[in-house]
C-alpha cells in the first residue's frame, strides 16, 4: 500500500498522455504519405524560456500577454503541465502541380522557396497546401487523443512560434504547441487568470488584437467597432493612422526578445556540449 501526491502522479499521467498524443499524430492519415513530423515534449523548467519570450512579446501583443499569464498562473499554482510540440517542413513540394500554393507548378514553388523562404507571423513560408492539410490532420489526431484521456488541450500557434524562435525542432517550417494540464476551462475561457485582469482590460485587448470580431458592416466606409454595450449610440470608428510611439515600443520589445533568444539559445547550446 502507498499514498501518492496528486500533483506528482498527475504530472506523470500528463506525460504519458503527451506520449500517446505523439503516437496518435504520427499515425494520422497523410495525403502526402510522409509528412516528416518532428515531435518533442517539454516539462518543468524547459517551458520557462518559451513563456518568458511570449510575455516579452506581450508588451506589444496583448493576446500573448494573457497567453503567457495563463502559463505562469499554472506554474505559480504548482499545477502539473507538459507541452507537446509538433513540427514539420511544409515548404517541400509534393510534385502534383496543383497550384494550391499560388504557384503554377511545384518547380516554381521550390525555386521561390530556395530564394525567398521567409518568416511569417507564426511560421516560415510559403507552404505546400497538401502538407499544411496533413499537419492539421496530425494536430487533430493529437487533440482527439488528449480528449480520450479526459485532458483539456488546445492547438496553439503562439507556443509553437515561441518554440521556433528558440530553435526547437530544427528543420521545421512550422511548429504547433499542444499544452496539457489538469483542470478545465484553462485554454479557452482562461478562468485561471480571470482575477488578473478586469473586464475593461480584457475587452480592450480583444478589440485591439482582433478588431474584425467587434466590427459592424464595413461597406459604409467607416467601420464601427463595438467597444461598449450600446455601441450604436456613440459609435467608435476604426481609423488608419501612423503611430510613431507604437513603432518605438515595438522596436524596444523586439530588441529585448532578440537578446533573450540569443541568451537562451546560447545556454541550450552549451548544455548540449
C-alpha atoms as a PDB file:
ATOM      1  CA  UNK A   1       0.000   0.000   0.000  1.00  0.00           C
ATOM      2  CA  UNK A   2       1.147   3.548  -0.698  1.00  0.00           C
ATOM      3  CA  UNK A   3      -0.050   7.156  -0.666  1.00  0.00           C
ATOM      4  CA  UNK A   4       0.688   9.250  -3.761  1.00  0.00           C
ATOM      5  CA  UNK A   5       0.796  13.009  -4.110  1.00  0.00           C
ATOM      6  CA  UNK A   6      -1.952  14.035  -6.529  1.00  0.00           C
ATOM      7  CA  UNK A   7       0.041  16.678  -8.392  1.00  0.00           C
ATOM      8  CA  UNK A   8       3.025  14.349  -8.720  1.00  0.00           C
ATOM      9  CA  UNK A   9       1.117  11.462 -10.245  1.00  0.00           C
ATOM     10  CA  UNK A  10      -0.948  13.973 -12.243  1.00  0.00           C
ATOM     11  CA  UNK A  11       2.253  15.227 -13.833  1.00  0.00           C
ATOM     12  CA  UNK A  12       3.319  11.668 -14.602  1.00  0.00           C
ATOM     13  CA  UNK A  13      -0.066  10.986 -16.190  1.00  0.00           C
ATOM     14  CA  UNK A  14       0.112  14.117 -18.352  1.00  0.00           C
ATOM     15  CA  UNK A  15       3.498  12.990 -19.615  1.00  0.00           C
ATOM     16  CA  UNK A  16       2.013   9.617 -20.573  1.00  0.00           C
ATOM     17  CA  UNK A  17      -0.860  11.398 -22.343  1.00  0.00           C
ATOM     18  CA  UNK A  18       1.643  13.570 -24.230  1.00  0.00           C
ATOM     19  CA  UNK A  19       3.425  10.405 -25.367  1.00  0.00           C
ATOM     20  CA  UNK A  20       0.110   8.963 -26.541  1.00  0.00           C
ATOM     21  CA  UNK A  21      -0.672  12.200 -28.425  1.00  0.00           C
ATOM     22  CA  UNK A  22       2.651  11.950 -30.251  1.00  0.00           C
ATOM     23  CA  UNK A  23       1.914   8.372 -31.282  1.00  0.00           C
ATOM     24  CA  UNK A  24      -1.583   9.377 -32.419  1.00  0.00           C
ATOM     25  CA  UNK A  25      -0.224  12.267 -34.514  1.00  0.00           C
ATOM     26  CA  UNK A  26       2.385  10.024 -36.092  1.00  0.00           C
ATOM     27  CA  UNK A  27      -0.335   7.544 -37.094  1.00  0.00           C
ATOM     28  CA  UNK A  28      -2.633  10.187 -38.589  1.00  0.00           C
ATOM     29  CA  UNK A  29      -3.507   9.611 -42.259  1.00  0.00           C
ATOM     30  CA  UNK A  30      -1.409  11.766 -44.596  1.00  0.00           C
ATOM     31  CA  UNK A  31      -2.373  12.803 -48.109  1.00  0.00           C
ATOM     32  CA  UNK A  32       1.313  13.246 -48.919  1.00  0.00           C
ATOM     33  CA  UNK A  33       2.178   9.806 -47.455  1.00  0.00           C
ATOM     34  CA  UNK A  34       5.077  11.138 -45.365  1.00  0.00           C
ATOM     35  CA  UNK A  35       4.721  14.458 -43.531  1.00  0.00           C
ATOM     36  CA  UNK A  36       8.078  14.090 -41.795  1.00  0.00           C
ATOM     37  CA  UNK A  37       6.600  15.009 -38.417  1.00  0.00           C
ATOM     38  CA  UNK A  38       9.034  16.075 -35.672  1.00  0.00           C
ATOM     39  CA  UNK A  39       7.954  15.941 -32.025  1.00  0.00           C
ATOM     40  CA  UNK A  40       9.173  16.942 -28.584  1.00  0.00           C
ATOM     41  CA  UNK A  41       7.751  17.186 -25.071  1.00  0.00           C
ATOM     42  CA  UNK A  42       8.718  19.962 -22.651  1.00  0.00           C
ATOM     43  CA  UNK A  43       8.265  19.810 -18.882  1.00  0.00           C
ATOM     44  CA  UNK A  44       9.303  21.811 -15.830  1.00  0.00           C
ATOM     45  CA  UNK A  45      11.951  24.498 -16.284  1.00  0.00           C
ATOM     46  CA  UNK A  46      12.299  23.790 -20.008  1.00  0.00           C
ATOM     47  CA  UNK A  47       8.955  25.525 -20.500  1.00  0.00           C
ATOM     48  CA  UNK A  48      10.085  28.801 -18.905  1.00  0.00           C
ATOM     49  CA  UNK A  49      12.138  30.241 -21.809  1.00  0.00           C
ATOM     50  CA  UNK A  50       9.115  29.957 -24.113  1.00  0.00           C
ATOM     51  CA  UNK A  51       6.858  31.674 -21.574  1.00  0.00           C
ATOM     52  CA  UNK A  52       9.444  34.399 -20.953  1.00  0.00           C
ATOM     53  CA  UNK A  53       9.784  35.224 -24.662  1.00  0.00           C
ATOM     54  CA  UNK A  54       5.995  35.075 -25.063  1.00  0.00           C
ATOM     55  CA  UNK A  55       5.355  37.594 -22.288  1.00  0.00           C
ATOM     56  CA  UNK A  56       8.108  39.884 -23.560  1.00  0.00           C
ATOM     57  CA  UNK A  57       6.360  39.993 -26.925  1.00  0.00           C
ATOM     58  CA  UNK A  58       3.166  40.516 -24.946  1.00  0.00           C
ATOM     59  CA  UNK A  59       4.295  44.105 -24.366  1.00  0.00           C
ATOM     60  CA  UNK A  60       3.285  44.803 -27.966  1.00  0.00           C
ATOM     61  CA  UNK A  61       0.802  41.949 -28.486  1.00  0.00           C
ATOM     62  CA  UNK A  62      -1.934  41.844 -25.874  1.00  0.00           C
ATOM     63  CA  UNK A  63      -3.091  38.289 -26.536  1.00  0.00           C
ATOM     64  CA  UNK A  64       0.433  36.995 -25.972  1.00  0.00           C
ATOM     65  CA  UNK A  65       0.471  38.818 -22.657  1.00  0.00           C
ATOM     66  CA  UNK A  66      -2.628  36.951 -21.465  1.00  0.00           C
ATOM     67  CA  UNK A  67      -1.416  33.711 -23.035  1.00  0.00           C
ATOM     68  CA  UNK A  68       1.833  33.924 -21.091  1.00  0.00           C
ATOM     69  CA  UNK A  69      -0.059  34.812 -17.916  1.00  0.00           C
ATOM     70  CA  UNK A  70      -2.114  31.626 -18.318  1.00  0.00           C
ATOM     71  CA  UNK A  71       1.040  29.512 -18.318  1.00  0.00           C
ATOM     72  CA  UNK A  72       2.632  31.397 -15.418  1.00  0.00           C
ATOM     73  CA  UNK A  73      -0.527  31.025 -13.332  1.00  0.00           C
ATOM     74  CA  UNK A  74      -0.437  27.244 -13.769  1.00  0.00           C
ATOM     75  CA  UNK A  75       3.217  27.118 -12.768  1.00  0.00           C
ATOM     76  CA  UNK A  76       2.797  29.522  -9.833  1.00  0.00           C
ATOM     77  CA  UNK A  77      -0.042  27.329  -8.530  1.00  0.00           C
ATOM     78  CA  UNK A  78       2.380  24.390  -8.840  1.00  0.00           C
ATOM     79  CA  UNK A  79      -0.046  22.523 -11.067  1.00  0.00           C
ATOM     80  CA  UNK A  80       1.268  19.815 -13.406  1.00  0.00           C
ATOM     81  CA  UNK A  81       1.703  20.817 -17.062  1.00  0.00           C
ATOM     82  CA  UNK A  82       3.541  19.486 -20.097  1.00  0.00           C
ATOM     83  CA  UNK A  83       3.772  20.857 -23.623  1.00  0.00           C
ATOM     84  CA  UNK A  84       3.933  18.639 -26.686  1.00  0.00           C
ATOM     85  CA  UNK A  85       5.463  20.237 -29.773  1.00  0.00           C
ATOM     86  CA  UNK A  86       4.722  19.106 -33.323  1.00  0.00           C
ATOM     87  CA  UNK A  87       6.761  20.405 -36.235  1.00  0.00           C
ATOM     88  CA  UNK A  88       7.187  19.720 -39.949  1.00  0.00           C
ATOM     89  CA  UNK A  89       8.680  21.299 -43.056  1.00  0.00           C
ATOM     90  CA  UNK A  90       5.713  22.429 -45.136  1.00  0.00           C
ATOM     91  CA  UNK A  91       7.921  24.149 -47.720  1.00  0.00           C
ATOM     92  CA  UNK A  92       8.660  20.879 -49.533  1.00  0.00           C
ATOM     93  CA  UNK A  93       6.655  20.435 -52.724  1.00  0.00           C
ATOM     94  CA  UNK A  94       4.983  17.094 -53.462  1.00  0.00           C
ATOM     95  CA  UNK A  95       5.187  17.352 -57.254  1.00  0.00           C
ATOM     96  CA  UNK A  96       1.479  17.418 -58.087  1.00  0.00           C
ATOM     97  CA  UNK A  97       1.452  20.862 -59.776  1.00  0.00           C
ATOM     98  CA  UNK A  98      -1.993  21.596 -58.317  1.00  0.00           C
ATOM     99  CA  UNK A  99      -1.451  25.353 -57.938  1.00  0.00           C
ATOM    100  CA  UNK A 100      -2.971  25.380 -54.461  1.00  0.00           C
ATOM    101  CA  UNK A 101       0.051  27.225 -53.067  1.00  0.00           C
ATOM    102  CA  UNK A 102      -0.386  30.068 -55.545  1.00  0.00           C
ATOM    103  CA  UNK A 103       2.391  28.980 -57.887  1.00  0.00           C
ATOM    104  CA  UNK A 104       1.510  27.317 -61.226  1.00  0.00           C
ATOM    105  CA  UNK A 105       3.975  24.442 -60.745  1.00  0.00           C
ATOM    106  CA  UNK A 106       5.833  22.770 -57.883  1.00  0.00           C
ATOM    107  CA  UNK A 107       9.110  23.634 -59.632  1.00  0.00           C
ATOM    108  CA  UNK A 108       8.345  27.364 -59.422  1.00  0.00           C
ATOM    109  CA  UNK A 109       7.233  26.950 -55.822  1.00  0.00           C
ATOM    110  CA  UNK A 110      10.508  25.202 -54.927  1.00  0.00           C
ATOM    111  CA  UNK A 111      12.563  27.810 -56.794  1.00  0.00           C
ATOM    112  CA  UNK A 112      10.877  30.607 -54.822  1.00  0.00           C
ATOM    113  CA  UNK A 113      11.316  28.766 -51.502  1.00  0.00           C
ATOM    114  CA  UNK A 114      15.044  28.321 -52.093  1.00  0.00           C
ATOM    115  CA  UNK A 115      15.424  32.016 -52.884  1.00  0.00           C
ATOM    116  CA  UNK A 116      12.898  33.706 -50.619  1.00  0.00           C
ATOM    117  CA  UNK A 117      11.924  31.366 -47.760  1.00  0.00           C
ATOM    118  CA  UNK A 118      10.748  33.816 -45.129  1.00  0.00           C
ATOM    119  CA  UNK A 119       9.444  34.208 -41.590  1.00  0.00           C
ATOM    120  CA  UNK A 120       5.750  34.974 -41.361  1.00  0.00           C
ATOM    121  CA  UNK A 121       3.715  35.711 -38.267  1.00  0.00           C
ATOM    122  CA  UNK A 122       3.912  32.170 -36.902  1.00  0.00           C
ATOM    123  CA  UNK A 123       5.846  30.139 -39.480  1.00  0.00           C
ATOM    124  CA  UNK A 124       8.236  30.047 -42.406  1.00  0.00           C
ATOM    125  CA  UNK A 125       6.719  30.039 -45.835  1.00  0.00           C
ATOM    126  CA  UNK A 126       5.301  29.652 -48.378  1.00  0.00           C
ATOM    127  CA  UNK A 127       3.732  26.269 -47.585  1.00  0.00           C
ATOM    128  CA  UNK A 128       2.563  23.373 -49.698  1.00  0.00           C
ATOM    129  CA  UNK A 129      -1.222  23.249 -49.322  1.00  0.00           C
ATOM    130  CA  UNK A 130      -1.295  19.455 -49.062  1.00  0.00           C
ATOM    131  CA  UNK A 131       1.382  19.313 -46.375  1.00  0.00           C
ATOM    132  CA  UNK A 132      -0.483  22.029 -44.445  1.00  0.00           C
ATOM    133  CA  UNK A 133      -3.617  19.853 -44.550  1.00  0.00           C
ATOM    134  CA  UNK A 134      -1.597  16.870 -43.302  1.00  0.00           C
ATOM    135  CA  UNK A 135      -0.225  18.980 -40.455  1.00  0.00           C
ATOM    136  CA  UNK A 136      -3.756  19.901 -39.454  1.00  0.00           C
ATOM    137  CA  UNK A 137      -4.864  16.264 -39.521  1.00  0.00           C
ATOM    138  CA  UNK A 138      -1.916  15.264 -37.301  1.00  0.00           C
ATOM    139  CA  UNK A 139      -2.838  18.009 -34.819  1.00  0.00           C
ATOM    140  CA  UNK A 140      -6.473  16.864 -34.833  1.00  0.00           C
ATOM    141  CA  UNK A 141      -5.441  13.292 -34.037  1.00  0.00           C
ATOM    142  CA  UNK A 142      -3.264  14.507 -31.155  1.00  0.00           C
ATOM    143  CA  UNK A 143      -6.112  16.588 -29.714  1.00  0.00           C
ATOM    144  CA  UNK A 144      -8.575  13.728 -30.063  1.00  0.00           C
ATOM    145  CA  UNK A 145      -6.148  11.504 -28.180  1.00  0.00           C
ATOM    146  CA  UNK A 146      -5.921  14.026 -25.324  1.00  0.00           C
ATOM    147  CA  UNK A 147      -9.712  14.275 -25.205  1.00  0.00           C
ATOM    148  CA  UNK A 148      -9.957  10.476 -24.992  1.00  0.00           C
ATOM    149  CA  UNK A 149      -7.815  10.670 -21.851  1.00  0.00           C
ATOM    150  CA  UNK A 150     -10.046  13.478 -20.494  1.00  0.00           C
ATOM    151  CA  UNK A 151      -7.239  16.043 -20.637  1.00  0.00           C
ATOM    152  CA  UNK A 152      -8.045  19.549 -21.881  1.00  0.00           C
ATOM    153  CA  UNK A 153      -5.801  20.924 -24.593  1.00  0.00           C
ATOM    154  CA  UNK A 154      -5.751  23.381 -27.475  1.00  0.00           C
ATOM    155  CA  UNK A 155      -3.592  23.686 -30.576  1.00  0.00           C
ATOM    156  CA  UNK A 156      -1.555  26.876 -30.174  1.00  0.00           C
ATOM    157  CA  UNK A 157       0.359  28.680 -32.900  1.00  0.00           C
ATOM    158  CA  UNK A 158       1.627  31.028 -30.188  1.00  0.00           C
ATOM    159  CA  UNK A 159       3.517  28.433 -28.170  1.00  0.00           C
ATOM    160  CA  UNK A 160       4.691  26.822 -31.383  1.00  0.00           C
ATOM    161  CA  UNK A 161       6.083  30.087 -32.744  1.00  0.00           C
ATOM    162  CA  UNK A 162       7.924  30.694 -29.453  1.00  0.00           C
ATOM    163  CA  UNK A 163       9.472  27.244 -29.840  1.00  0.00           C
ATOM    164  CA  UNK A 164      10.574  28.161 -33.367  1.00  0.00           C
ATOM    165  CA  UNK A 165      12.170  31.398 -32.183  1.00  0.00           C
ATOM    166  CA  UNK A 166      14.171  29.409 -29.645  1.00  0.00           C
ATOM    167  CA  UNK A 167      15.354  26.913 -32.257  1.00  0.00           C
ATOM    168  CA  UNK A 168      13.401  23.839 -31.211  1.00  0.00           C
ATOM    169  CA  UNK A 169      12.569  21.052 -33.704  1.00  0.00           C
ATOM    170  CA  UNK A 170      15.234  22.218 -36.116  1.00  0.00           C
ATOM    171  CA  UNK A 171      14.295  21.940 -39.785  1.00  0.00           C
ATOM    172  CA  UNK A 172      10.594  22.656 -39.218  1.00  0.00           C
ATOM    173  CA  UNK A 173       8.903  25.474 -41.103  1.00  0.00           C
ATOM    174  CA  UNK A 174       6.054  25.443 -38.578  1.00  0.00           C
ATOM    175  CA  UNK A 175       5.617  24.221 -35.005  1.00  0.00           C
ATOM    176  CA  UNK A 176       2.322  23.739 -33.175  1.00  0.00           C
ATOM    177  CA  UNK A 177       2.159  23.621 -29.386  1.00  0.00           C
ATOM    178  CA  UNK A 178      -0.202  21.313 -27.533  1.00  0.00           C
ATOM    179  CA  UNK A 179      -0.324  22.260 -23.822  1.00  0.00           C
ATOM    180  CA  UNK A 180      -1.649  19.640 -21.407  1.00  0.00           C
ATOM    181  CA  UNK A 181      -2.671  20.484 -17.853  1.00  0.00           C
ATOM    182  CA  UNK A 182      -5.083  19.291 -15.187  1.00  0.00           C
ATOM    183  CA  UNK A 183      -8.330  21.181 -14.738  1.00  0.00           C
ATOM    184  CA  UNK A 184     -10.926  22.627 -17.104  1.00  0.00           C
ATOM    185  CA  UNK A 185     -11.555  25.908 -18.945  1.00  0.00           C
ATOM    186  CA  UNK A 186      -7.796  26.526 -18.997  1.00  0.00           C
ATOM    187  CA  UNK A 187      -7.021  27.252 -22.630  1.00  0.00           C
ATOM    188  CA  UNK A 188     -10.344  28.625 -23.877  1.00  0.00           C
ATOM    189  CA  UNK A 189     -12.233  30.575 -21.198  1.00  0.00           C
ATOM    190  CA  UNK A 190      -8.963  31.004 -19.237  1.00  0.00           C
ATOM    191  CA  UNK A 191     -10.724  31.155 -15.885  1.00  0.00           C
ATOM    192  CA  UNK A 192      -7.386  30.734 -14.126  1.00  0.00           C
ATOM    193  CA  UNK A 193      -6.348  34.317 -14.944  1.00  0.00           C
ATOM    194  CA  UNK A 194      -9.785  35.904 -14.558  1.00  0.00           C
ATOM    195  CA  UNK A 195      -8.682  37.710 -11.403  1.00  0.00           C
ATOM    196  CA  UNK A 196      -5.543  39.162 -13.011  1.00  0.00           C
ATOM    197  CA  UNK A 197      -7.395  41.431 -15.449  1.00  0.00           C
ATOM    198  CA  UNK A 198     -10.591  43.440 -15.138  1.00  0.00           C
ATOM    199  CA  UNK A 199     -13.342  43.360 -17.752  1.00  0.00           C
ATOM    200  CA  UNK A 200     -12.284  46.646 -19.341  1.00  0.00           C
ATOM    201  CA  UNK A 201      -8.700  45.458 -19.884  1.00  0.00           C
ATOM    202  CA  UNK A 202      -9.824  42.162 -21.436  1.00  0.00           C
ATOM    203  CA  UNK A 203     -12.389  43.909 -23.638  1.00  0.00           C
ATOM    204  CA  UNK A 204      -9.849  46.463 -24.903  1.00  0.00           C
ATOM    205  CA  UNK A 205      -7.257  43.759 -25.522  1.00  0.00           C
ATOM    206  CA  UNK A 206      -9.669  41.641 -27.575  1.00  0.00           C
ATOM    207  CA  UNK A 207     -10.823  44.694 -29.531  1.00  0.00           C
ATOM    208  CA  UNK A 208      -7.254  45.828 -30.231  1.00  0.00           C
ATOM    209  CA  UNK A 209      -5.926  42.395 -31.209  1.00  0.00           C
ATOM    210  CA  UNK A 210      -8.991  41.162 -33.127  1.00  0.00           C
ATOM    211  CA  UNK A 211     -10.962  44.238 -34.259  1.00  0.00           C
ATOM    212  CA  UNK A 212     -12.656  42.202 -37.002  1.00  0.00           C
ATOM    213  CA  UNK A 213     -14.514  40.270 -34.303  1.00  0.00           C
ATOM    214  CA  UNK A 214     -16.025  43.507 -32.947  1.00  0.00           C
ATOM    215  CA  UNK A 215     -16.654  45.227 -36.273  1.00  0.00           C
ATOM    216  CA  UNK A 216     -20.001  46.150 -37.840  1.00  0.00           C
ATOM    217  CA  UNK A 217     -20.707  46.009 -41.582  1.00  0.00           C
ATOM    218  CA  UNK A 218     -17.688  47.513 -43.368  1.00  0.00           C
ATOM    219  CA  UNK A 219     -19.366  48.519 -46.617  1.00  0.00           C
ATOM    220  CA  UNK A 220     -20.224  52.027 -45.375  1.00  0.00           C
ATOM    221  CA  UNK A 221     -16.559  53.049 -45.496  1.00  0.00           C
ATOM    222  CA  UNK A 222     -16.350  53.976 -41.808  1.00  0.00           C
ATOM    223  CA  UNK A 223     -16.431  50.625 -39.987  1.00  0.00           C
ATOM    224  CA  UNK A 224     -17.703  50.939 -36.433  1.00  0.00           C
ATOM    225  CA  UNK A 225     -16.205  48.941 -33.573  1.00  0.00           C
ATOM    226  CA  UNK A 226     -18.442  47.617 -30.812  1.00  0.00           C
ATOM    227  CA  UNK A 227     -16.483  48.941 -27.829  1.00  0.00           C
ATOM    228  CA  UNK A 228     -19.430  49.048 -25.397  1.00  0.00           C
ATOM    229  CA  UNK A 229     -22.859  47.545 -24.786  1.00  0.00           C
ATOM    230  CA  UNK A 230     -24.908  50.246 -26.596  1.00  0.00           C
ATOM    231  CA  UNK A 231     -22.239  50.866 -29.215  1.00  0.00           C
ATOM    232  CA  UNK A 232     -24.606  52.481 -31.743  1.00  0.00           C
ATOM    233  CA  UNK A 233     -25.482  55.445 -29.508  1.00  0.00           C
ATOM    234  CA  UNK A 234     -21.974  56.895 -29.523  1.00  0.00           C
ATOM    235  CA  UNK A 235     -20.118  54.966 -32.241  1.00  0.00           C
ATOM    236  CA  UNK A 236     -16.375  54.327 -32.253  1.00  0.00           C
ATOM    237  CA  UNK A 237     -14.945  54.307 -35.779  1.00  0.00           C
ATOM    238  CA  UNK A 238     -11.884  52.405 -36.967  1.00  0.00           C
ATOM    239  CA  UNK A 239      -9.274  54.762 -38.446  1.00  0.00           C
ATOM    240  CA  UNK A 240      -5.920  54.184 -40.110  1.00  0.00           C
ATOM    241  CA  UNK A 241      -3.077  56.419 -38.985  1.00  0.00           C
ATOM    242  CA  UNK A 242       0.635  56.308 -38.322  1.00  0.00           C
ATOM    243  CA  UNK A 243       1.630  55.899 -34.685  1.00  0.00           C
ATOM    244  CA  UNK A 244       5.315  56.548 -34.084  1.00  0.00           C
ATOM    245  CA  UNK A 245       5.018  55.824 -30.346  1.00  0.00           C
ATOM    246  CA  UNK A 246       3.777  52.286 -31.004  1.00  0.00           C
ATOM    247  CA  UNK A 247       6.515  51.767 -33.580  1.00  0.00           C
ATOM    248  CA  UNK A 248       9.104  52.744 -30.948  1.00  0.00           C
ATOM    249  CA  UNK A 249       7.631  50.374 -28.344  1.00  0.00           C
ATOM    250  CA  UNK A 250       7.557  47.587 -30.912  1.00  0.00           C
ATOM    251  CA  UNK A 251      11.229  48.092 -31.688  1.00  0.00           C
ATOM    252  CA  UNK A 252      12.156  48.057 -27.982  1.00  0.00           C
ATOM    253  CA  UNK A 253      10.228  44.825 -27.375  1.00  0.00           C
ATOM    254  CA  UNK A 254      11.721  43.174 -30.457  1.00  0.00           C
ATOM    255  CA  UNK A 255      15.245  44.072 -29.348  1.00  0.00           C
ATOM    256  CA  UNK A 256      14.534  42.658 -25.880  1.00  0.00           C
ATOM    257  CA  UNK A 257      13.167  39.454 -27.408  1.00  0.00           C
ATOM    258  CA  UNK A 258      16.201  39.064 -29.695  1.00  0.00           C
ATOM    259  CA  UNK A 259      18.507  39.460 -26.704  1.00  0.00           C
ATOM    260  CA  UNK A 260      16.615  36.804 -24.722  1.00  0.00           C
ATOM    261  CA  UNK A 261      16.514  34.418 -27.677  1.00  0.00           C
ATOM    262  CA  UNK A 262      20.282  34.694 -28.090  1.00  0.00           C
ATOM    263  CA  UNK A 263      20.816  34.073 -24.362  1.00  0.00           C
ATOM    264  CA  UNK A 264      18.510  31.044 -24.241  1.00  0.00           C
ATOM    265  CA  UNK A 265      19.943  29.566 -27.451  1.00  0.00           C
ATOM    266  CA  UNK A 266      23.471  30.051 -26.168  1.00  0.00           C
ATOM    267  CA  UNK A 267      22.597  28.334 -22.871  1.00  0.00           C
ATOM    268  CA  UNK A 268      20.918  25.457 -24.732  1.00  0.00           C
ATOM    269  CA  UNK A 269      23.951  25.064 -26.992  1.00  0.00           C
ATOM    270  CA  UNK A 270      26.305  24.894 -24.018  1.00  0.00           C
ATOM    271  CA  UNK A 271      24.052  22.300 -22.391  1.00  0.00           C
ATOM    272  CA  UNK A 272      24.419  20.013 -25.410  1.00  0.00           C
ATOM    273  CA  UNK A 273      28.238  20.185 -25.479  1.00  0.00           C
END
